[in-house]
Amino acid sequence: MSHTRTPVVTGWFTPDDTTAFRLLGTRCRRCRTVYFPREDAFCRAPGCPGTALDEVPLSPRGRIWSYTDGRYRPPAPYPSDPDRPWRPYTLIAVELAAEGMVVLGQGAPGVTVADLAVGMEVEVVPGVLAEEDGRTLTTWHWRPLPEEAS
């Protein structure tokens, strides 16, 4: 069966068939604060009256700030039908130094907590969250970089 590829959340990342896959945030034109998930209505920085925000690609690499193994069914937008088989996953919090933020995401398939360490460099890669109702729900994953690439 052919599946239609559908982002789990539209506008949060580039299409997964691009060679330079990136998460997409927004930056306030006035105070330069970067948001992810994106903010499109107004700047939320205290004291900034800015309302003009531009889409910006976030850094493709960052360093692990924290990580854990997810042993619960996550809430929407993640599919969590209790009748479907469940597999734990690795959840990674990644610090993007240039943006001054931490972004959460699942580890790439096969990445376990045993493969990770705080401070390790990782990169964002396209991922698949689930396949259901003729759709492949796409997302992002964090993947450790080989030590020689760090």
N, C-alpha and C. Protein backbone atom coordinates (compact mmCIF):
# COMPACT_ATOMS: atom_id res chain seq x y z
N MET A 1 0.84 -1.17 0.00
CA MET A 1 0.00 0.00 0.00
C MET A 1 0.89 1.25 0.00
N SER A 2 0.55 2.21 -0.84
CA SER A 2 1.29 3.47 -0.91
C SER A 2 0.77 4.42 0.16
N HIS A 3 1.69 5.01 0.91
CA HIS A 3 1.32 5.93 1.98
C HIS A 3 1.63 7.36 1.56
N THR A 4 0.74 8.28 1.91
CA THR A 4 0.97 9.69 1.72
C THR A 4 1.80 10.19 2.89
N ARG A 5 2.90 10.89 2.61
CA ARG A 5 3.74 11.42 3.68
C ARG A 5 3.14 12.73 4.17
N THR A 6 2.87 12.77 5.48
CA THR A 6 2.20 13.92 6.09
C THR A 6 2.97 14.35 7.34
N PRO A 7 3.40 15.61 7.42
CA PRO A 7 4.06 16.05 8.66
C PRO A 7 3.10 15.95 9.84
N VAL A 8 3.60 15.48 10.98
CA VAL A 8 2.74 15.37 12.15
C VAL A 8 2.27 16.76 12.58
N VAL A 9 3.10 17.78 12.39
CA VAL A 9 2.71 19.18 12.63
C VAL A 9 3.26 19.99 11.46
N THR A 10 2.37 20.61 10.70
CA THR A 10 2.77 21.39 9.53
C THR A 10 3.54 22.64 9.95
N GLY A 11 4.64 22.91 9.24
CA GLY A 11 5.40 24.14 9.45
C GLY A 11 6.49 24.06 10.51
N TRP A 12 6.67 22.91 11.14
CA TRP A 12 7.69 22.79 12.18
C TRP A 12 9.01 22.29 11.64
N PHE A 13 9.04 21.74 10.42
CA PHE A 13 10.28 21.27 9.82
C PHE A 13 10.15 21.26 8.31
N THR A 14 11.30 21.24 7.63
CA THR A 14 11.31 21.23 6.17
C THR A 14 10.80 19.87 5.68
N PRO A 15 10.40 19.78 4.42
CA PRO A 15 9.98 18.47 3.89
C PRO A 15 11.10 17.45 4.11
N ASP A 16 10.72 16.22 4.41
CA ASP A 16 11.73 15.21 4.76
C ASP A 16 12.48 14.65 3.57
N ASP A 17 12.14 15.10 2.37
CA ASP A 17 12.89 14.64 1.20
C ASP A 17 13.95 15.66 0.77
N THR A 18 14.15 16.71 1.55
CA THR A 18 15.17 17.69 1.21
C THR A 18 16.53 17.20 1.71
N THR A 19 17.60 17.68 1.08
CA THR A 19 18.94 17.25 1.48
C THR A 19 19.39 17.98 2.74
N ALA A 20 18.81 19.11 3.04
CA ALA A 20 19.18 19.89 4.23
C ALA A 20 17.99 19.97 5.18
N PHE A 21 17.59 18.84 5.73
CA PHE A 21 16.45 18.78 6.64
C PHE A 21 16.72 19.67 7.86
N ARG A 22 15.76 20.50 8.24
CA ARG A 22 15.92 21.41 9.38
C ARG A 22 14.59 21.60 10.10
N LEU A 23 14.68 21.85 11.39
CA LEU A 23 13.53 22.33 12.15
C LEU A 23 13.33 23.79 11.78
N LEU A 24 12.08 24.25 11.80
CA LEU A 24 11.77 25.64 11.45
C LEU A 24 11.18 26.36 12.66
N GLY A 25 11.78 27.48 12.98
CA GLY A 25 11.26 28.32 14.05
C GLY A 25 10.92 29.68 13.49
N THR A 26 10.68 30.61 14.38
CA THR A 26 10.47 31.99 13.96
C THR A 26 11.32 32.89 14.85
N ARG A 27 11.71 34.06 14.29
CA ARG A 27 12.53 35.04 15.01
C ARG A 27 11.83 36.39 14.97
N CYS A 28 11.75 37.01 16.14
CA CYS A 28 11.17 38.35 16.24
C CYS A 28 12.11 39.34 15.55
N ARG A 29 11.57 40.17 14.68
CA ARG A 29 12.39 41.17 13.99
C ARG A 29 12.91 42.24 14.96
N ARG A 30 12.18 42.48 16.01
CA ARG A 30 12.55 43.55 16.93
C ARG A 30 13.63 43.13 17.94
N CYS A 31 13.39 42.06 18.69
CA CYS A 31 14.33 41.68 19.76
C CYS A 31 15.20 40.47 19.39
N ARG A 32 14.92 39.83 18.25
CA ARG A 32 15.70 38.70 17.72
C ARG A 32 15.49 37.40 18.48
N THR A 33 14.50 37.33 19.37
CA THR A 33 14.21 36.09 20.08
C THR A 33 13.72 35.04 19.09
N VAL A 34 14.24 33.81 19.24
CA VAL A 34 13.87 32.71 18.37
C VAL A 34 12.90 31.79 19.11
N TYR A 35 11.88 31.31 18.40
CA TYR A 35 10.87 30.43 18.98
C TYR A 35 10.80 29.09 18.26
N PHE A 36 10.69 28.04 19.04
CA PHE A 36 10.31 26.72 18.54
C PHE A 36 9.60 26.02 19.69
N PRO A 37 8.38 25.53 19.48
CA PRO A 37 7.65 25.64 18.23
C PRO A 37 7.47 27.10 17.82
N ARG A 38 7.25 27.25 16.56
CA ARG A 38 7.16 28.57 15.97
C ARG A 38 6.05 29.41 16.60
N GLU A 39 6.24 30.69 16.57
CA GLU A 39 5.25 31.67 17.03
C GLU A 39 4.99 32.57 15.83
N ASP A 40 3.75 32.68 15.41
CA ASP A 40 3.45 33.48 14.23
C ASP A 40 2.63 34.73 14.51
N ALA A 41 2.13 34.91 15.73
CA ALA A 41 1.24 36.04 16.02
C ALA A 41 1.98 37.23 16.61
N PHE A 42 2.81 37.01 17.63
CA PHE A 42 3.48 38.12 18.31
C PHE A 42 4.65 37.57 19.11
N CYS A 43 5.57 38.47 19.48
CA CYS A 43 6.72 38.08 20.29
C CYS A 43 6.27 37.89 21.73
N ARG A 44 6.68 36.77 22.32
CA ARG A 44 6.32 36.48 23.71
C ARG A 44 7.38 36.93 24.70
N ALA A 45 8.46 37.54 24.22
CA ALA A 45 9.51 38.00 25.13
C ALA A 45 8.96 39.14 26.00
N PRO A 46 9.18 39.06 27.31
CA PRO A 46 8.67 40.12 28.20
C PRO A 46 9.18 41.49 27.78
N GLY A 47 8.27 42.43 27.66
CA GLY A 47 8.61 43.80 27.31
C GLY A 47 8.80 44.08 25.84
N CYS A 48 8.77 43.06 24.99
CA CYS A 48 8.94 43.29 23.55
C CYS A 48 7.57 43.43 22.90
N PRO A 49 7.31 44.57 22.25
CA PRO A 49 6.02 44.75 21.58
C PRO A 49 6.01 44.22 20.15
N GLY A 50 7.05 43.50 19.74
CA GLY A 50 7.16 43.04 18.36
C GLY A 50 6.03 42.13 17.92
N THR A 51 5.61 42.31 16.68
CA THR A 51 4.58 41.45 16.09
C THR A 51 5.04 40.87 14.75
N ALA A 52 6.19 41.30 14.26
CA ALA A 52 6.71 40.79 12.99
C ALA A 52 7.71 39.68 13.28
N LEU A 53 7.38 38.47 12.83
CA LEU A 53 8.25 37.31 13.03
C LEU A 53 8.56 36.68 11.69
N ASP A 54 9.80 36.27 11.51
CA ASP A 54 10.24 35.64 10.27
C ASP A 54 10.58 34.19 10.53
N GLU A 55 10.24 33.34 9.56
CA GLU A 55 10.61 31.93 9.66
C GLU A 55 12.12 31.79 9.52
N VAL A 56 12.72 30.96 10.38
CA VAL A 56 14.16 30.72 10.33
C VAL A 56 14.43 29.23 10.52
N PRO A 57 15.38 28.68 9.76
CA PRO A 57 15.79 27.30 10.03
C PRO A 57 16.66 27.29 11.28
N LEU A 58 16.44 26.30 12.13
CA LEU A 58 17.24 26.18 13.34
C LEU A 58 18.53 25.44 13.06
N SER A 59 19.47 25.53 13.97
CA SER A 59 20.75 24.83 13.82
C SER A 59 20.50 23.35 13.60
N PRO A 60 21.21 22.72 12.68
CA PRO A 60 21.01 21.30 12.42
C PRO A 60 21.69 20.39 13.45
N ARG A 61 22.57 20.97 14.27
CA ARG A 61 23.29 20.20 15.29
C ARG A 61 23.19 20.90 16.63
N GLY A 62 23.28 20.10 17.66
CA GLY A 62 23.28 20.64 19.01
C GLY A 62 23.92 19.62 19.94
N ARG A 63 23.88 19.92 21.24
CA ARG A 63 24.47 19.03 22.23
C ARG A 63 23.38 18.55 23.19
N ILE A 64 23.49 17.29 23.57
CA ILE A 64 22.49 16.71 24.46
C ILE A 64 22.54 17.43 25.80
N TRP A 65 21.39 17.93 26.21
CA TRP A 65 21.21 18.60 27.49
C TRP A 65 20.71 17.60 28.53
N SER A 66 19.83 16.69 28.07
CA SER A 66 19.30 15.62 28.92
C SER A 66 18.66 14.57 28.01
N TYR A 67 18.36 13.40 28.59
CA TYR A 67 17.71 12.34 27.83
C TYR A 67 17.08 11.35 28.78
N THR A 68 16.13 10.58 28.27
CA THR A 68 15.48 9.54 29.06
C THR A 68 14.84 8.54 28.12
N ASP A 69 14.39 7.43 28.67
CA ASP A 69 13.62 6.49 27.86
C ASP A 69 12.15 6.73 28.16
N GLY A 70 11.37 6.85 27.10
CA GLY A 70 9.93 7.09 27.22
C GLY A 70 9.19 5.78 27.36
N ARG A 71 8.60 5.56 28.49
CA ARG A 71 7.88 4.30 28.74
C ARG A 71 6.40 4.56 28.95
N TYR A 72 5.90 5.60 28.29
CA TYR A 72 4.48 5.94 28.37
C TYR A 72 3.99 6.28 26.97
N ARG A 73 2.71 6.18 26.78
CA ARG A 73 2.13 6.59 25.51
C ARG A 73 1.99 8.11 25.51
N PRO A 74 2.65 8.79 24.59
CA PRO A 74 2.59 10.26 24.59
C PRO A 74 1.22 10.77 24.15
N PRO A 75 0.90 12.01 24.52
CA PRO A 75 -0.37 12.61 24.11
C PRO A 75 -0.35 13.05 22.65
N ALA A 76 -1.49 13.47 22.13
CA ALA A 76 -1.60 14.01 20.78
C ALA A 76 -0.59 15.14 20.61
N PRO A 77 0.01 15.30 19.44
CA PRO A 77 -0.40 14.74 18.17
C PRO A 77 0.16 13.35 17.91
N TYR A 78 0.84 12.74 18.88
CA TYR A 78 1.39 11.42 18.69
C TYR A 78 0.30 10.37 18.74
N PRO A 79 0.31 9.44 17.78
CA PRO A 79 -0.67 8.36 17.80
C PRO A 79 -0.43 7.49 19.04
N SER A 80 -1.47 7.23 19.80
CA SER A 80 -1.30 6.41 21.00
C SER A 80 -2.50 5.51 21.23
N ASP A 81 -2.98 4.92 20.17
CA ASP A 81 -4.11 3.99 20.22
C ASP A 81 -3.75 2.80 21.11
N PRO A 82 -4.50 2.59 22.18
CA PRO A 82 -4.16 1.48 23.09
C PRO A 82 -4.27 0.10 22.45
N ASP A 83 -4.92 0.00 21.30
CA ASP A 83 -5.04 -1.28 20.61
C ASP A 83 -3.85 -1.57 19.69
N ARG A 84 -2.96 -0.59 19.53
CA ARG A 84 -1.78 -0.77 18.68
C ARG A 84 -0.60 -1.20 19.53
N PRO A 85 0.33 -1.95 18.96
CA PRO A 85 1.53 -2.34 19.71
C PRO A 85 2.29 -1.09 20.16
N TRP A 86 2.88 -1.15 21.34
CA TRP A 86 3.61 -0.02 21.89
C TRP A 86 5.08 -0.37 22.06
N ARG A 87 5.95 0.54 21.65
CA ARG A 87 7.38 0.37 21.84
C ARG A 87 7.93 1.60 22.55
N PRO A 88 8.66 1.41 23.64
CA PRO A 88 9.31 2.57 24.28
C PRO A 88 10.24 3.27 23.29
N TYR A 89 10.56 4.49 23.57
CA TYR A 89 11.41 5.29 22.69
C TYR A 89 12.37 6.10 23.54
N THR A 90 13.38 6.65 22.92
CA THR A 90 14.34 7.51 23.60
C THR A 90 13.95 8.96 23.34
N LEU A 91 13.85 9.74 24.39
CA LEU A 91 13.52 11.16 24.30
C LEU A 91 14.77 11.96 24.62
N ILE A 92 15.13 12.90 23.73
CA ILE A 92 16.37 13.65 23.88
C ILE A 92 16.07 15.15 23.89
N ALA A 93 16.63 15.85 24.88
CA ALA A 93 16.56 17.31 24.94
C ALA A 93 17.90 17.84 24.43
N VAL A 94 17.85 18.65 23.38
CA VAL A 94 19.06 19.11 22.71
C VAL A 94 19.18 20.63 22.82
N GLU A 95 20.34 21.08 23.30
CA GLU A 95 20.60 22.51 23.40
C GLU A 95 21.12 23.02 22.06
N LEU A 96 20.43 24.01 21.52
CA LEU A 96 20.87 24.70 20.31
C LEU A 96 21.48 26.01 20.77
N ALA A 97 22.79 26.06 20.84
CA ALA A 97 23.49 27.20 21.43
C ALA A 97 23.20 28.51 20.70
N ALA A 98 23.21 28.49 19.36
CA ALA A 98 23.01 29.72 18.59
C ALA A 98 21.63 30.33 18.85
N GLU A 99 20.63 29.48 19.08
CA GLU A 99 19.28 29.96 19.30
C GLU A 99 18.98 30.19 20.79
N GLY A 100 19.84 29.66 21.67
CA GLY A 100 19.63 29.82 23.11
C GLY A 100 18.41 29.08 23.61
N MET A 101 18.22 27.85 23.12
CA MET A 101 17.04 27.08 23.52
C MET A 101 17.34 25.60 23.55
N VAL A 102 16.43 24.86 24.19
CA VAL A 102 16.49 23.41 24.23
C VAL A 102 15.27 22.88 23.50
N VAL A 103 15.49 21.93 22.58
CA VAL A 103 14.42 21.35 21.78
C VAL A 103 14.35 19.85 22.06
N LEU A 104 13.15 19.37 22.34
CA LEU A 104 12.94 17.95 22.58
C LEU A 104 12.65 17.21 21.28
N GLY A 105 12.96 15.94 21.27
CA GLY A 105 12.61 15.09 20.14
C GLY A 105 13.00 13.66 20.45
N GLN A 106 12.45 12.75 19.68
CA GLN A 106 12.79 11.34 19.85
C GLN A 106 14.16 11.06 19.25
N GLY A 107 14.82 10.04 19.80
CA GLY A 107 16.05 9.56 19.21
C GLY A 107 15.72 8.82 17.93
N ALA A 108 16.66 8.79 17.00
CA ALA A 108 16.48 8.06 15.75
C ALA A 108 16.27 6.57 16.07
N PRO A 109 15.62 5.83 15.17
CA PRO A 109 15.42 4.40 15.42
C PRO A 109 16.73 3.71 15.78
N GLY A 110 16.68 2.88 16.80
CA GLY A 110 17.84 2.14 17.23
C GLY A 110 18.69 2.85 18.28
N VAL A 111 18.46 4.15 18.50
CA VAL A 111 19.22 4.90 19.51
C VAL A 111 18.58 4.64 20.87
N THR A 112 19.39 4.18 21.82
CA THR A 112 18.91 3.93 23.18
C THR A 112 19.65 4.84 24.15
N VAL A 113 19.18 4.89 25.39
CA VAL A 113 19.86 5.72 26.39
C VAL A 113 21.30 5.26 26.60
N ALA A 114 21.58 4.00 26.36
CA ALA A 114 22.95 3.50 26.51
C ALA A 114 23.91 4.11 25.48
N ASP A 115 23.36 4.66 24.38
CA ASP A 115 24.18 5.26 23.33
C ASP A 115 24.47 6.74 23.57
N LEU A 116 23.88 7.32 24.61
CA LEU A 116 23.88 8.77 24.78
C LEU A 116 24.66 9.22 26.01
N ALA A 117 25.09 10.48 25.99
CA ALA A 117 25.74 11.11 27.14
C ALA A 117 25.45 12.62 27.06
N VAL A 118 25.27 13.25 28.20
CA VAL A 118 25.09 14.70 28.24
C VAL A 118 26.32 15.34 27.60
N GLY A 119 26.08 16.32 26.73
CA GLY A 119 27.15 17.02 26.03
C GLY A 119 27.50 16.43 24.68
N MET A 120 27.01 15.23 24.38
CA MET A 120 27.28 14.58 23.09
C MET A 120 26.63 15.40 21.96
N GLU A 121 27.32 15.50 20.83
CA GLU A 121 26.77 16.22 19.68
C GLU A 121 25.81 15.32 18.90
N VAL A 122 24.67 15.89 18.53
CA VAL A 122 23.65 15.19 17.75
C VAL A 122 23.21 16.08 16.60
N GLU A 123 22.57 15.45 15.62
CA GLU A 123 22.03 16.19 14.48
C GLU A 123 20.57 15.83 14.30
N VAL A 124 19.82 16.78 13.74
CA VAL A 124 18.41 16.53 13.46
C VAL A 124 18.30 15.82 12.11
N VAL A 125 17.44 14.80 12.06
CA VAL A 125 17.23 14.03 10.84
C VAL A 125 15.73 13.79 10.66
N PRO A 126 15.28 13.56 9.42
CA PRO A 126 13.87 13.25 9.22
C PRO A 126 13.52 11.92 9.88
N GLY A 127 12.30 11.82 10.35
CA GLY A 127 11.86 10.59 10.99
C GLY A 127 10.42 10.27 10.67
N VAL A 128 10.03 9.07 11.04
CA VAL A 128 8.65 8.62 10.88
C VAL A 128 8.08 8.36 12.26
N LEU A 129 6.95 8.95 12.53
CA LEU A 129 6.29 8.76 13.82
C LEU A 129 5.41 7.53 13.79
N ALA A 130 4.62 7.40 12.71
CA ALA A 130 3.71 6.26 12.62
C ALA A 130 3.19 6.14 11.19
N GLU A 131 2.63 4.99 10.90
CA GLU A 131 1.92 4.78 9.64
C GLU A 131 0.51 4.36 10.01
N GLU A 132 -0.46 5.11 9.52
CA GLU A 132 -1.85 4.80 9.83
C GLU A 132 -2.78 5.39 8.77
N ASP A 133 -3.86 4.71 8.53
CA ASP A 133 -4.90 5.18 7.60
C ASP A 133 -4.34 5.65 6.27
N GLY A 134 -3.36 4.92 5.72
CA GLY A 134 -2.79 5.27 4.43
C GLY A 134 -1.84 6.45 4.47
N ARG A 135 -1.45 6.90 5.67
CA ARG A 135 -0.54 8.03 5.81
C ARG A 135 0.71 7.60 6.58
N THR A 136 1.83 8.18 6.18
CA THR A 136 3.06 8.08 6.94
C THR A 136 3.23 9.42 7.62
N LEU A 137 3.13 9.44 8.96
CA LEU A 137 3.26 10.68 9.71
C LEU A 137 4.75 10.95 9.95
N THR A 138 5.24 12.05 9.39
CA THR A 138 6.66 12.38 9.48
C THR A 138 6.92 13.34 10.63
N THR A 139 8.15 13.28 11.15
CA THR A 139 8.57 14.11 12.27
C THR A 139 10.08 14.30 12.17
N TRP A 140 10.72 14.67 13.28
CA TRP A 140 12.17 14.77 13.34
C TRP A 140 12.68 13.84 14.43
N HIS A 141 13.93 13.45 14.27
CA HIS A 141 14.62 12.64 15.28
C HIS A 141 15.99 13.26 15.52
N TRP A 142 16.58 12.94 16.66
CA TRP A 142 17.95 13.33 16.96
C TRP A 142 18.83 12.10 16.82
N ARG A 143 19.95 12.26 16.13
CA ARG A 143 20.87 11.15 15.91
C ARG A 143 22.28 11.56 16.35
N PRO A 144 22.92 10.74 17.19
CA PRO A 144 24.30 11.05 17.59
C PRO A 144 25.21 11.10 16.37
N LEU A 145 26.16 12.00 16.41
CA LEU A 145 27.17 12.09 15.35
C LEU A 145 28.29 11.12 15.67
N PRO A 146 28.89 10.54 14.64
CA PRO A 146 30.07 9.72 14.90
C PRO A 146 31.12 10.59 15.61
N GLU A 147 31.89 10.01 16.50
CA GLU A 147 32.85 10.78 17.29
C GLU A 147 33.83 11.56 16.42
N GLU A 148 34.23 11.03 15.28
CA GLU A 148 35.18 11.74 14.44
C GLU A 148 34.55 12.96 13.77
N ALA A 149 33.17 13.02 13.69
CA ALA A 149 32.50 14.18 13.08
C ALA A 149 32.26 15.28 14.09
N SER A 150 32.39 15.00 15.36
CA SER A 150 32.06 15.99 16.40
C SER A 150 33.03 17.12 16.46
